[in-house]
Amino acid sequence: KEFMKERLNNMKMQQLMKRMELYTMQAQMNPHFLFNMINNVNVLVRREPAQASALLYRLEDLIRYQFADSRRERVNLLTDIQFLSDFLDLEQVRRTGFTYKIDTDGITDGVEVPPLLFIPFVENAVKHNSDGENGSWVNISFCLADGLLTFVCQNSKPAVAPVPPKASGIGLKNISRRLELLYNNRHTLSITDENGIFTVRLTIEL
């Protein structure tokens, strides 16, 4: 009886530590994303003040999602996709020659996922594909079939690769660890760099 009690306590402690680690990694993404967005609006304020004012309302929605909905364990997938769209809209205004596309196949309103699961991949795609001469793009797709959700994020690569910042890769390391904690052996993640296209493919069991 004492052995079972101790084992149960250990299991509860492991679950608590897991939740704390997940919350810590999720919280680390919030300031990073927010600072990027503020910088985007700041650039636009100097160039087109009226448009910047309108986009501040969009930023308000993004912040609300970051600090309210993102604290939940699960969020509606369509809401998370709208969050990605708002982020890319803001990036499209800030950058000349940038385009994006988001496709959904089989996604219904009842699908839920952990919040902010996909934004690190999208942020990474945007950060590393800036090309002032040739333009740049990001294409995203979500497909739900047979209980599997497949997320694909592809982005163009500039002719001259940018110098990576010192903190490069932190977001991807966080999301890889977060996927291990959330889905363990119920997900696959592949990242390829071929023919001038960088591709992230993530499949999770719902």
N, C-alpha and C. Protein backbone atom coordinates (compact mmCIF):
# COMPACT_ATOMS: atom_id res chain seq x y z
N LYS A 1 0.83 -1.20 0.00
CA LYS A 1 0.00 0.00 0.00
C LYS A 1 0.87 1.27 0.00
N GLU A 2 1.92 1.24 0.85
CA GLU A 2 2.82 2.39 0.90
C GLU A 2 3.57 2.56 -0.43
N PHE A 3 3.91 1.42 -1.03
CA PHE A 3 4.60 1.46 -2.32
C PHE A 3 3.72 2.09 -3.39
N MET A 4 2.46 1.69 -3.45
CA MET A 4 1.52 2.23 -4.44
C MET A 4 1.29 3.72 -4.19
N LYS A 5 1.21 4.10 -2.93
CA LYS A 5 1.01 5.51 -2.59
C LYS A 5 2.19 6.35 -3.06
N GLU A 6 3.39 5.83 -2.82
CA GLU A 6 4.60 6.56 -3.23
C GLU A 6 4.68 6.65 -4.76
N ARG A 7 4.30 5.56 -5.41
CA ARG A 7 4.33 5.55 -6.87
C ARG A 7 3.34 6.56 -7.44
N LEU A 8 2.15 6.64 -6.84
CA LEU A 8 1.14 7.60 -7.27
C LEU A 8 1.63 9.03 -7.08
N ASN A 9 2.27 9.28 -5.95
CA ASN A 9 2.80 10.61 -5.70
C ASN A 9 3.88 10.98 -6.72
N ASN A 10 4.71 10.01 -7.07
CA ASN A 10 5.74 10.26 -8.07
C ASN A 10 5.13 10.57 -9.43
N MET A 11 4.06 9.86 -9.78
CA MET A 11 3.39 10.10 -11.04
C MET A 11 2.78 11.50 -11.07
N LYS A 12 2.17 11.90 -9.95
CA LYS A 12 1.59 13.24 -9.87
C LYS A 12 2.68 14.31 -9.98
N MET A 13 3.82 14.05 -9.35
CA MET A 13 4.92 15.00 -9.41
C MET A 13 5.45 15.12 -10.84
N GLN A 14 5.56 14.00 -11.55
CA GLN A 14 6.02 14.02 -12.93
C GLN A 14 5.05 14.79 -13.82
N GLN A 15 3.75 14.60 -13.59
CA GLN A 15 2.75 15.32 -14.37
C GLN A 15 2.83 16.82 -14.10
N LEU A 16 3.04 17.18 -12.84
CA LEU A 16 3.15 18.58 -12.47
C LEU A 16 4.39 19.21 -13.12
N MET A 17 5.51 18.50 -13.09
CA MET A 17 6.73 19.02 -13.71
C MET A 17 6.56 19.16 -15.21
N LYS A 18 5.85 18.22 -15.81
CA LYS A 18 5.59 18.28 -17.25
C LYS A 18 4.77 19.52 -17.59
N ARG A 19 3.72 19.79 -16.79
CA ARG A 19 2.87 20.96 -17.03
C ARG A 19 3.67 22.25 -16.83
N MET A 20 4.53 22.27 -15.83
CA MET A 20 5.33 23.47 -15.58
C MET A 20 6.31 23.72 -16.72
N GLU A 21 6.90 22.66 -17.25
CA GLU A 21 7.84 22.82 -18.36
C GLU A 21 7.12 23.31 -19.60
N LEU A 22 5.93 22.76 -19.86
CA LEU A 22 5.15 23.21 -21.01
C LEU A 22 4.79 24.68 -20.88
N TYR A 23 4.36 25.08 -19.70
CA TYR A 23 3.97 26.48 -19.48
C TYR A 23 5.17 27.40 -19.64
N THR A 24 6.33 26.97 -19.17
CA THR A 24 7.54 27.79 -19.28
C THR A 24 7.93 27.99 -20.73
N MET A 25 7.89 26.93 -21.54
CA MET A 25 8.24 27.05 -22.94
C MET A 25 7.24 27.91 -23.70
N GLN A 26 5.96 27.77 -23.35
CA GLN A 26 4.93 28.56 -23.99
C GLN A 26 5.10 30.03 -23.64
N ALA A 27 5.43 30.32 -22.40
CA ALA A 27 5.62 31.70 -21.97
C ALA A 27 6.84 32.33 -22.64
N GLN A 28 7.85 31.52 -22.95
CA GLN A 28 9.04 32.05 -23.61
C GLN A 28 8.73 32.55 -25.00
N MET A 29 7.73 31.98 -25.64
CA MET A 29 7.40 32.39 -26.99
C MET A 29 6.66 33.73 -27.01
N ASN A 30 5.91 34.03 -25.97
CA ASN A 30 5.08 35.24 -25.98
C ASN A 30 5.87 36.53 -26.15
N PRO A 31 6.87 36.84 -25.31
CA PRO A 31 7.61 38.10 -25.47
C PRO A 31 8.32 38.19 -26.81
N HIS A 32 8.90 37.08 -27.26
CA HIS A 32 9.62 37.06 -28.53
C HIS A 32 8.69 37.47 -29.67
N PHE A 33 7.52 36.89 -29.71
CA PHE A 33 6.56 37.21 -30.76
C PHE A 33 6.07 38.64 -30.64
N LEU A 34 5.77 39.07 -29.43
CA LEU A 34 5.25 40.43 -29.22
C LEU A 34 6.26 41.48 -29.65
N PHE A 35 7.53 41.29 -29.30
CA PHE A 35 8.55 42.26 -29.69
C PHE A 35 8.67 42.35 -31.21
N ASN A 36 8.56 41.23 -31.90
CA ASN A 36 8.60 41.24 -33.36
C ASN A 36 7.45 42.06 -33.93
N MET A 37 6.27 41.87 -33.37
CA MET A 37 5.09 42.58 -33.86
C MET A 37 5.19 44.08 -33.62
N ILE A 38 5.65 44.47 -32.45
CA ILE A 38 5.80 45.90 -32.14
C ILE A 38 6.80 46.53 -33.10
N ASN A 39 7.87 45.82 -33.40
CA ASN A 39 8.86 46.33 -34.34
C ASN A 39 8.26 46.51 -35.73
N ASN A 40 7.41 45.56 -36.14
CA ASN A 40 6.75 45.65 -37.44
C ASN A 40 5.90 46.91 -37.54
N VAL A 41 5.09 47.15 -36.51
CA VAL A 41 4.23 48.33 -36.51
C VAL A 41 5.05 49.60 -36.46
N ASN A 42 6.13 49.58 -35.71
CA ASN A 42 6.99 50.75 -35.58
C ASN A 42 7.58 51.15 -36.94
N VAL A 43 7.97 50.17 -37.73
CA VAL A 43 8.49 50.44 -39.07
C VAL A 43 7.41 51.09 -39.93
N LEU A 44 6.19 50.59 -39.80
CA LEU A 44 5.09 51.10 -40.61
C LEU A 44 4.67 52.51 -40.18
N VAL A 45 4.77 52.83 -38.91
CA VAL A 45 4.40 54.15 -38.41
C VAL A 45 5.19 55.23 -39.13
N ARG A 46 6.44 55.00 -39.38
CA ARG A 46 7.28 55.99 -40.04
C ARG A 46 6.92 56.16 -41.50
N ARG A 47 6.43 55.08 -42.11
CA ARG A 47 6.18 55.10 -43.55
C ARG A 47 4.75 55.50 -43.88
N GLU A 48 3.78 54.88 -43.19
CA GLU A 48 2.37 55.13 -43.46
C GLU A 48 1.61 55.16 -42.14
N PRO A 49 1.55 56.32 -41.48
CA PRO A 49 0.93 56.44 -40.15
C PRO A 49 -0.52 55.99 -40.11
N ALA A 50 -1.31 56.34 -41.13
CA ALA A 50 -2.73 55.98 -41.12
C ALA A 50 -2.91 54.46 -41.16
N GLN A 51 -2.13 53.80 -41.99
CA GLN A 51 -2.22 52.35 -42.09
C GLN A 51 -1.71 51.68 -40.82
N ALA A 52 -0.71 52.29 -40.22
CA ALA A 52 -0.18 51.76 -38.97
C ALA A 52 -1.23 51.81 -37.88
N SER A 53 -2.01 52.89 -37.85
CA SER A 53 -3.06 53.02 -36.85
C SER A 53 -4.10 51.91 -36.99
N ALA A 54 -4.45 51.60 -38.23
CA ALA A 54 -5.42 50.53 -38.47
C ALA A 54 -4.88 49.18 -38.05
N LEU A 55 -3.60 48.97 -38.29
CA LEU A 55 -3.00 47.69 -37.96
C LEU A 55 -2.82 47.50 -36.46
N LEU A 56 -2.80 48.59 -35.73
CA LEU A 56 -2.69 48.48 -34.27
C LEU A 56 -3.89 47.74 -33.70
N TYR A 57 -5.05 47.89 -34.33
CA TYR A 57 -6.23 47.15 -33.88
C TYR A 57 -6.04 45.66 -34.11
N ARG A 58 -5.40 45.31 -35.24
CA ARG A 58 -5.08 43.91 -35.50
C ARG A 58 -4.09 43.39 -34.47
N LEU A 59 -3.13 44.23 -34.13
CA LEU A 59 -2.15 43.83 -33.12
C LEU A 59 -2.81 43.61 -31.77
N GLU A 60 -3.85 44.40 -31.49
CA GLU A 60 -4.57 44.22 -30.22
C GLU A 60 -5.18 42.82 -30.15
N ASP A 61 -5.76 42.37 -31.26
CA ASP A 61 -6.32 41.01 -31.30
C ASP A 61 -5.24 39.96 -31.10
N LEU A 62 -4.07 40.20 -31.71
CA LEU A 62 -2.97 39.25 -31.57
C LEU A 62 -2.51 39.15 -30.12
N ILE A 63 -2.40 40.32 -29.48
CA ILE A 63 -1.96 40.34 -28.08
C ILE A 63 -2.97 39.67 -27.18
N ARG A 64 -4.25 39.90 -27.45
CA ARG A 64 -5.29 39.28 -26.64
C ARG A 64 -5.20 37.76 -26.73
N TYR A 65 -4.97 37.27 -27.93
CA TYR A 65 -4.83 35.83 -28.11
C TYR A 65 -3.59 35.31 -27.39
N GLN A 66 -2.49 36.07 -27.50
CA GLN A 66 -1.24 35.66 -26.87
C GLN A 66 -1.37 35.52 -25.36
N PHE A 67 -2.03 36.47 -24.72
CA PHE A 67 -2.02 36.51 -23.27
C PHE A 67 -3.32 36.03 -22.63
N ALA A 68 -4.30 35.68 -23.42
CA ALA A 68 -5.57 35.18 -22.87
C ALA A 68 -5.82 33.76 -23.34
N ASP A 69 -6.19 33.61 -24.61
CA ASP A 69 -6.53 32.29 -25.14
C ASP A 69 -5.35 31.32 -25.07
N SER A 70 -4.13 31.84 -25.24
CA SER A 70 -2.98 30.95 -25.27
C SER A 70 -2.66 30.32 -23.92
N ARG A 71 -3.28 30.80 -22.86
CA ARG A 71 -3.06 30.21 -21.54
C ARG A 71 -3.90 28.95 -21.32
N ARG A 72 -4.82 28.70 -22.24
CA ARG A 72 -5.64 27.49 -22.13
C ARG A 72 -4.85 26.28 -22.63
N GLU A 73 -5.26 25.12 -22.19
CA GLU A 73 -4.57 23.91 -22.62
C GLU A 73 -4.88 23.60 -24.08
N ARG A 74 -6.09 23.92 -24.52
CA ARG A 74 -6.51 23.65 -25.89
C ARG A 74 -7.24 24.86 -26.45
N VAL A 75 -7.07 25.08 -27.75
CA VAL A 75 -7.77 26.16 -28.43
C VAL A 75 -8.33 25.61 -29.74
N ASN A 76 -9.30 26.31 -30.28
CA ASN A 76 -9.88 25.93 -31.56
C ASN A 76 -8.84 26.09 -32.66
N LEU A 77 -8.69 25.08 -33.48
CA LEU A 77 -7.67 25.12 -34.55
C LEU A 77 -7.93 26.26 -35.52
N LEU A 78 -9.19 26.50 -35.85
CA LEU A 78 -9.51 27.58 -36.77
C LEU A 78 -9.11 28.94 -36.19
N THR A 79 -9.23 29.09 -34.87
CA THR A 79 -8.80 30.32 -34.22
C THR A 79 -7.29 30.47 -34.31
N ASP A 80 -6.58 29.37 -34.13
CA ASP A 80 -5.12 29.40 -34.22
C ASP A 80 -4.68 29.72 -35.65
N ILE A 81 -5.41 29.21 -36.63
CA ILE A 81 -5.09 29.49 -38.03
C ILE A 81 -5.33 30.98 -38.32
N GLN A 82 -6.40 31.55 -37.77
CA GLN A 82 -6.66 32.97 -37.95
C GLN A 82 -5.53 33.80 -37.34
N PHE A 83 -5.01 33.34 -36.23
CA PHE A 83 -3.88 34.00 -35.58
C PHE A 83 -2.67 34.04 -36.52
N LEU A 84 -2.40 32.92 -37.20
CA LEU A 84 -1.30 32.87 -38.16
C LEU A 84 -1.55 33.82 -39.32
N SER A 85 -2.80 33.87 -39.77
CA SER A 85 -3.16 34.76 -40.87
C SER A 85 -2.96 36.22 -40.50
N ASP A 86 -3.35 36.59 -39.28
CA ASP A 86 -3.16 37.97 -38.82
C ASP A 86 -1.68 38.31 -38.75
N PHE A 87 -0.89 37.37 -38.27
CA PHE A 87 0.56 37.59 -38.19
C PHE A 87 1.16 37.83 -39.57
N LEU A 88 0.75 37.00 -40.55
CA LEU A 88 1.30 37.12 -41.89
C LEU A 88 0.77 38.36 -42.61
N ASP A 89 -0.45 38.77 -42.29
CA ASP A 89 -0.98 40.02 -42.82
C ASP A 89 -0.10 41.19 -42.42
N LEU A 90 0.27 41.21 -41.17
CA LEU A 90 1.11 42.28 -40.65
C LEU A 90 2.49 42.27 -41.32
N GLU A 91 3.01 41.07 -41.53
CA GLU A 91 4.30 40.95 -42.19
C GLU A 91 4.20 41.38 -43.66
N GLN A 92 3.07 41.09 -44.29
CA GLN A 92 2.89 41.45 -45.69
C GLN A 92 2.87 42.96 -45.90
N VAL A 93 2.29 43.67 -44.93
CA VAL A 93 2.27 45.13 -45.01
C VAL A 93 3.66 45.71 -44.78
N ARG A 94 4.41 45.10 -43.89
CA ARG A 94 5.73 45.61 -43.54
C ARG A 94 6.74 45.40 -44.66
N ARG A 95 6.60 44.31 -45.42
CA ARG A 95 7.61 43.95 -46.42
C ARG A 95 7.06 44.04 -47.83
N THR A 96 7.88 44.55 -48.72
CA THR A 96 7.53 44.63 -50.13
C THR A 96 7.85 43.30 -50.81
N GLY A 97 6.91 42.83 -51.63
CA GLY A 97 7.16 41.61 -52.39
C GLY A 97 6.96 40.34 -51.61
N PHE A 98 6.29 40.42 -50.46
CA PHE A 98 6.05 39.23 -49.65
C PHE A 98 4.60 38.77 -49.84
N THR A 99 4.42 37.49 -50.11
CA THR A 99 3.08 36.91 -50.26
C THR A 99 2.97 35.66 -49.40
N TYR A 100 1.74 35.29 -49.09
CA TYR A 100 1.53 34.05 -48.33
C TYR A 100 0.20 33.43 -48.72
N LYS A 101 0.06 32.15 -48.38
CA LYS A 101 -1.17 31.41 -48.65
C LYS A 101 -1.38 30.40 -47.54
N ILE A 102 -2.64 30.26 -47.10
CA ILE A 102 -2.99 29.26 -46.09
C ILE A 102 -4.14 28.42 -46.64
N ASP A 103 -3.92 27.13 -46.76
CA ASP A 103 -4.95 26.20 -47.24
C ASP A 103 -5.37 25.27 -46.11
N THR A 104 -6.65 24.95 -46.07
CA THR A 104 -7.17 24.00 -45.08
C THR A 104 -7.99 22.94 -45.80
N ASP A 105 -7.81 21.71 -45.39
CA ASP A 105 -8.53 20.59 -46.00
C ASP A 105 -9.05 19.67 -44.89
N GLY A 106 -10.35 19.56 -44.80
CA GLY A 106 -10.96 18.68 -43.81
C GLY A 106 -11.02 19.25 -42.41
N ILE A 107 -10.68 20.53 -42.23
CA ILE A 107 -10.67 21.14 -40.90
C ILE A 107 -12.09 21.56 -40.52
N THR A 108 -12.53 21.15 -39.35
CA THR A 108 -13.85 21.53 -38.85
C THR A 108 -13.71 22.40 -37.61
N ASP A 109 -14.82 23.01 -37.22
CA ASP A 109 -14.79 23.92 -36.08
C ASP A 109 -14.53 23.20 -34.76
N GLY A 110 -14.72 21.89 -34.74
CA GLY A 110 -14.57 21.16 -33.48
C GLY A 110 -13.16 20.70 -33.17
N VAL A 111 -12.21 20.93 -34.07
CA VAL A 111 -10.84 20.46 -33.87
C VAL A 111 -10.12 21.40 -32.90
N GLU A 112 -9.46 20.83 -31.89
CA GLU A 112 -8.72 21.63 -30.92
C GLU A 112 -7.26 21.15 -30.84
N VAL A 113 -6.38 22.10 -30.59
CA VAL A 113 -4.95 21.81 -30.49
C VAL A 113 -4.36 22.65 -29.37
N PRO A 114 -3.18 22.33 -28.89
CA PRO A 114 -2.50 23.20 -27.93
C PRO A 114 -2.23 24.56 -28.58
N PRO A 115 -2.36 25.65 -27.84
CA PRO A 115 -2.16 26.98 -28.42
C PRO A 115 -0.71 27.23 -28.83
N LEU A 116 -0.56 28.07 -29.86
CA LEU A 116 0.76 28.51 -30.32
C LEU A 116 1.65 27.36 -30.75
N LEU A 117 1.05 26.31 -31.25
CA LEU A 117 1.83 25.14 -31.64
C LEU A 117 2.58 25.36 -32.96
N PHE A 118 2.02 26.18 -33.84
CA PHE A 118 2.57 26.32 -35.19
C PHE A 118 3.32 27.63 -35.43
N ILE A 119 3.10 28.64 -34.59
CA ILE A 119 3.68 29.95 -34.83
C ILE A 119 5.22 29.94 -34.86
N PRO A 120 5.93 29.12 -34.06
CA PRO A 120 7.39 29.14 -34.17
C PRO A 120 7.89 28.76 -35.57
N PHE A 121 7.20 27.80 -36.22
CA PHE A 121 7.59 27.41 -37.57
C PHE A 121 7.34 28.56 -38.55
N VAL A 122 6.21 29.23 -38.39
CA VAL A 122 5.86 30.32 -39.29
C VAL A 122 6.79 31.52 -39.07
N GLU A 123 7.06 31.82 -37.81
CA GLU A 123 8.01 32.90 -37.52
C GLU A 123 9.37 32.60 -38.14
N ASN A 124 9.81 31.37 -38.03
CA ASN A 124 11.10 30.98 -38.57
C ASN A 124 11.11 31.12 -40.10
N ALA A 125 9.99 30.73 -40.74
CA ALA A 125 9.88 30.83 -42.19
C ALA A 125 9.98 32.27 -42.65
N VAL A 126 9.31 33.16 -41.92
CA VAL A 126 9.31 34.59 -42.27
C VAL A 126 10.68 35.20 -42.04
N LYS A 127 11.30 34.83 -40.93
CA LYS A 127 12.56 35.45 -40.53
C LYS A 127 13.69 35.15 -41.51
N HIS A 128 13.66 33.98 -42.12
CA HIS A 128 14.79 33.55 -42.94
C HIS A 128 14.54 33.60 -44.44
N ASN A 129 13.44 34.24 -44.89
CA ASN A 129 13.18 34.23 -46.34
C ASN A 129 13.13 35.64 -46.95
N SER A 130 13.56 36.65 -46.21
CA SER A 130 13.53 38.01 -46.73
C SER A 130 14.46 38.16 -47.93
N ASP A 131 13.89 38.65 -49.04
CA ASP A 131 14.66 38.85 -50.27
C ASP A 131 14.12 40.07 -50.98
N GLY A 132 14.79 41.21 -50.82
CA GLY A 132 14.30 42.46 -51.37
C GLY A 132 14.30 42.50 -52.88
N GLU A 133 15.14 41.70 -53.55
CA GLU A 133 15.24 41.75 -55.00
C GLU A 133 14.25 40.83 -55.70
N ASN A 134 14.07 39.63 -55.18
CA ASN A 134 13.26 38.63 -55.88
C ASN A 134 11.90 38.37 -55.24
N GLY A 135 11.61 39.03 -54.13
CA GLY A 135 10.36 38.74 -53.45
C GLY A 135 10.48 37.47 -52.63
N SER A 136 9.49 37.20 -51.81
CA SER A 136 9.53 36.01 -50.95
C SER A 136 8.11 35.55 -50.65
N TRP A 137 7.98 34.31 -50.23
CA TRP A 137 6.65 33.77 -49.97
C TRP A 137 6.69 32.71 -48.86
N VAL A 138 5.53 32.50 -48.26
CA VAL A 138 5.31 31.44 -47.28
C VAL A 138 3.98 30.77 -47.61
N ASN A 139 3.99 29.46 -47.78
CA ASN A 139 2.77 28.70 -48.05
C ASN A 139 2.54 27.71 -46.91
N ILE A 140 1.33 27.73 -46.37
CA ILE A 140 0.97 26.88 -45.23
C ILE A 140 -0.25 26.05 -45.59
N SER A 141 -0.27 24.82 -45.12
CA SER A 141 -1.45 23.98 -45.32
C SER A 141 -1.73 23.15 -44.08
N PHE A 142 -3.00 22.94 -43.82
CA PHE A 142 -3.48 22.07 -42.76
C PHE A 142 -4.40 21.03 -43.39
N CYS A 143 -4.15 19.77 -43.09
CA CYS A 143 -4.99 18.70 -43.63
C CYS A 143 -5.36 17.73 -42.50
N LEU A 144 -6.65 17.47 -42.36
CA LEU A 144 -7.14 16.54 -41.35
C LEU A 144 -7.76 15.34 -42.04
N ALA A 145 -7.23 14.14 -41.76
CA ALA A 145 -7.74 12.92 -42.37
C ALA A 145 -7.40 11.74 -41.48
N ASP A 146 -8.40 10.90 -41.22
CA ASP A 146 -8.20 9.67 -40.45
C ASP A 146 -7.58 9.92 -39.08
N GLY A 147 -8.00 11.00 -38.44
CA GLY A 147 -7.50 11.30 -37.10
C GLY A 147 -6.12 11.88 -37.06
N LEU A 148 -5.54 12.18 -38.22
CA LEU A 148 -4.20 12.76 -38.29
C LEU A 148 -4.29 14.19 -38.82
N LEU A 149 -3.62 15.09 -38.14
CA LEU A 149 -3.52 16.49 -38.59
C LEU A 149 -2.11 16.71 -39.13
N THR A 150 -2.05 17.11 -40.40
CA THR A 150 -0.76 17.36 -41.04
C THR A 150 -0.63 18.85 -41.33
N PHE A 151 0.43 19.42 -40.80
CA PHE A 151 0.75 20.84 -41.00
C PHE A 151 2.01 20.93 -41.84
N VAL A 152 1.94 21.70 -42.91
CA VAL A 152 3.09 21.89 -43.79
C VAL A 152 3.33 23.38 -43.94
N CYS A 153 4.57 23.79 -43.71
CA CYS A 153 4.97 25.19 -43.88
C CYS A 153 6.18 25.23 -44.80
N GLN A 154 6.00 25.88 -45.95
CA GLN A 154 7.09 26.02 -46.91
C GLN A 154 7.41 27.49 -47.12
N ASN A 155 8.66 27.79 -47.29
CA ASN A 155 9.05 29.17 -47.56
C ASN A 155 10.18 29.23 -48.57
N SER A 156 10.18 30.32 -49.34
CA SER A 156 11.26 30.56 -50.28
C SER A 156 12.53 30.92 -49.53
N LYS A 157 13.65 30.78 -50.20
CA LYS A 157 14.93 31.14 -49.61
C LYS A 157 15.55 32.26 -50.43
N PRO A 158 16.14 33.25 -49.77
CA PRO A 158 16.77 34.34 -50.51
C PRO A 158 18.01 33.88 -51.27
N ALA A 159 18.34 34.64 -52.32
CA ALA A 159 19.53 34.30 -53.11
C ALA A 159 20.78 34.33 -52.24
N VAL A 160 20.84 35.29 -51.33
CA VAL A 160 21.95 35.38 -50.40
C VAL A 160 21.41 35.12 -48.99
N ALA A 161 21.87 34.06 -48.36
CA ALA A 161 21.37 33.68 -47.04
C ALA A 161 21.72 34.75 -46.02
N PRO A 162 20.73 35.16 -45.17
CA PRO A 162 21.03 36.15 -44.13
C PRO A 162 21.90 35.56 -43.03
N VAL A 163 22.62 36.43 -42.35
CA VAL A 163 23.44 35.98 -41.23
C VAL A 163 22.52 35.64 -40.07
N PRO A 164 22.55 34.39 -39.56
CA PRO A 164 21.64 34.01 -38.48
C PRO A 164 21.96 34.75 -37.20
N PRO A 165 20.91 35.19 -36.44
CA PRO A 165 21.16 35.86 -35.17
C PRO A 165 21.70 34.89 -34.15
N LYS A 166 22.29 35.44 -33.08
CA LYS A 166 22.90 34.60 -32.05
C LYS A 166 21.90 33.66 -31.41
N ALA A 167 20.64 34.11 -31.27
CA ALA A 167 19.62 33.28 -30.60
C ALA A 167 18.87 32.40 -31.57
N SER A 168 19.37 32.26 -32.79
CA SER A 168 18.67 31.48 -33.81
C SER A 168 18.46 30.05 -33.37
N GLY A 169 17.24 29.53 -33.65
CA GLY A 169 16.96 28.13 -33.37
C GLY A 169 16.31 27.86 -32.04
N ILE A 170 16.22 28.87 -31.15
CA ILE A 170 15.62 28.64 -29.84
C ILE A 170 14.16 28.22 -29.97
N GLY A 171 13.43 28.88 -30.87
CA GLY A 171 12.01 28.57 -31.05
C GLY A 171 11.79 27.14 -31.49
N LEU A 172 12.59 26.67 -32.45
CA LEU A 172 12.45 25.31 -32.95
C LEU A 172 12.84 24.28 -31.90
N LYS A 173 13.84 24.60 -31.09
CA LYS A 173 14.21 23.69 -30.01
C LYS A 173 13.06 23.58 -29.00
N ASN A 174 12.44 24.71 -28.71
CA ASN A 174 11.31 24.70 -27.78
C ASN A 174 10.15 23.88 -28.31
N ILE A 175 9.81 24.08 -29.58
CA ILE A 175 8.66 23.39 -30.12
C ILE A 175 8.92 21.90 -30.24
N SER A 176 10.17 21.51 -30.52
CA SER A 176 10.50 20.08 -30.58
C SER A 176 10.32 19.43 -29.22
N ARG A 177 10.79 20.11 -28.19
CA ARG A 177 10.64 19.58 -26.83
C ARG A 177 9.16 19.58 -26.43
N ARG A 178 8.45 20.62 -26.80
CA ARG A 178 7.02 20.70 -26.46
C ARG A 178 6.24 19.58 -27.13
N LEU A 179 6.58 19.26 -28.37
CA LEU A 179 5.92 18.16 -29.07
C LEU A 179 6.18 16.83 -28.37
N GLU A 180 7.40 16.65 -27.88
CA GLU A 180 7.72 15.42 -27.15
C GLU A 180 6.85 15.29 -25.91
N LEU A 181 6.66 16.40 -25.20
CA LEU A 181 5.87 16.35 -23.97
C LEU A 181 4.39 16.18 -24.25
N LEU A 182 3.90 16.81 -25.32
CA LEU A 182 2.47 16.77 -25.61
C LEU A 182 2.05 15.49 -26.31
N TYR A 183 2.86 15.04 -27.27
CA TYR A 183 2.43 13.94 -28.13
C TYR A 183 3.34 12.71 -28.06
N ASN A 184 4.48 12.83 -27.42
CA ASN A 184 5.39 11.70 -27.25
C ASN A 184 5.60 10.98 -28.58
N ASN A 185 5.11 9.74 -28.70
CA ASN A 185 5.30 8.98 -29.93
C ASN A 185 4.13 9.12 -30.90
N ARG A 186 3.32 10.14 -30.69
CA ARG A 186 2.14 10.33 -31.55
C ARG A 186 2.31 11.50 -32.52
N HIS A 187 3.55 11.75 -32.92
CA HIS A 187 3.78 12.81 -33.89
C HIS A 187 5.05 12.52 -34.69
N THR A 188 5.14 13.11 -35.87
CA THR A 188 6.36 13.05 -36.68
C THR A 188 6.67 14.46 -37.16
N LEU A 189 7.94 14.79 -37.16
CA LEU A 189 8.38 16.11 -37.59
C LEU A 189 9.56 15.95 -38.53
N SER A 190 9.44 16.55 -39.71
CA SER A 190 10.55 16.50 -40.67
C SER A 190 10.80 17.90 -41.20
N ILE A 191 12.06 18.23 -41.39
CA ILE A 191 12.48 19.53 -41.90
C ILE A 191 13.45 19.29 -43.04
N THR A 192 13.13 19.82 -44.23
CA THR A 192 13.97 19.62 -45.40
C THR A 192 14.33 20.95 -46.04
N ASP A 193 15.44 20.96 -46.73
CA ASP A 193 15.94 22.15 -47.42
C ASP A 193 16.40 21.70 -48.80
N GLU A 194 15.49 21.83 -49.79
CA GLU A 194 15.79 21.33 -51.12
C GLU A 194 15.30 22.29 -52.19
N ASN A 195 16.09 22.45 -53.24
CA ASN A 195 15.72 23.23 -54.42
C ASN A 195 15.22 24.63 -54.08
N GLY A 196 15.89 25.26 -53.13
CA GLY A 196 15.53 26.62 -52.79
C GLY A 196 14.26 26.77 -51.99
N ILE A 197 13.75 25.66 -51.44
CA ILE A 197 12.51 25.68 -50.65
C ILE A 197 12.77 25.01 -49.31
N PHE A 198 12.43 25.68 -48.24
CA PHE A 198 12.56 25.13 -46.89
C PHE A 198 11.19 24.62 -46.47
N THR A 199 11.10 23.36 -46.05
CA THR A 199 9.82 22.73 -45.75
C THR A 199 9.81 22.12 -44.36
N VAL A 200 8.77 22.43 -43.61
CA VAL A 200 8.51 21.80 -42.32
C VAL A 200 7.22 21.01 -42.45
N ARG A 201 7.25 19.74 -42.08
CA ARG A 201 6.05 18.90 -42.13
C ARG A 201 5.87 18.26 -40.73
N LEU A 202 4.72 18.56 -40.13
CA LEU A 202 4.39 18.03 -38.81
C LEU A 202 3.07 17.29 -38.88
N THR A 203 3.09 16.04 -38.42
CA THR A 203 1.86 15.23 -38.37
C THR A 203 1.64 14.80 -36.92
N ILE A 204 0.43 15.05 -36.42
CA ILE A 204 0.10 14.67 -35.04
C ILE A 204 -1.20 13.87 -35.02
N GLU A 205 -1.28 12.97 -34.05
CA GLU A 205 -2.50 12.21 -33.84
C GLU A 205 -3.41 12.98 -32.91
N LEU A 206 -4.63 13.24 -33.33
CA LEU A 206 -5.57 13.98 -32.49
C LEU A 206 -6.35 13.04 -31.59
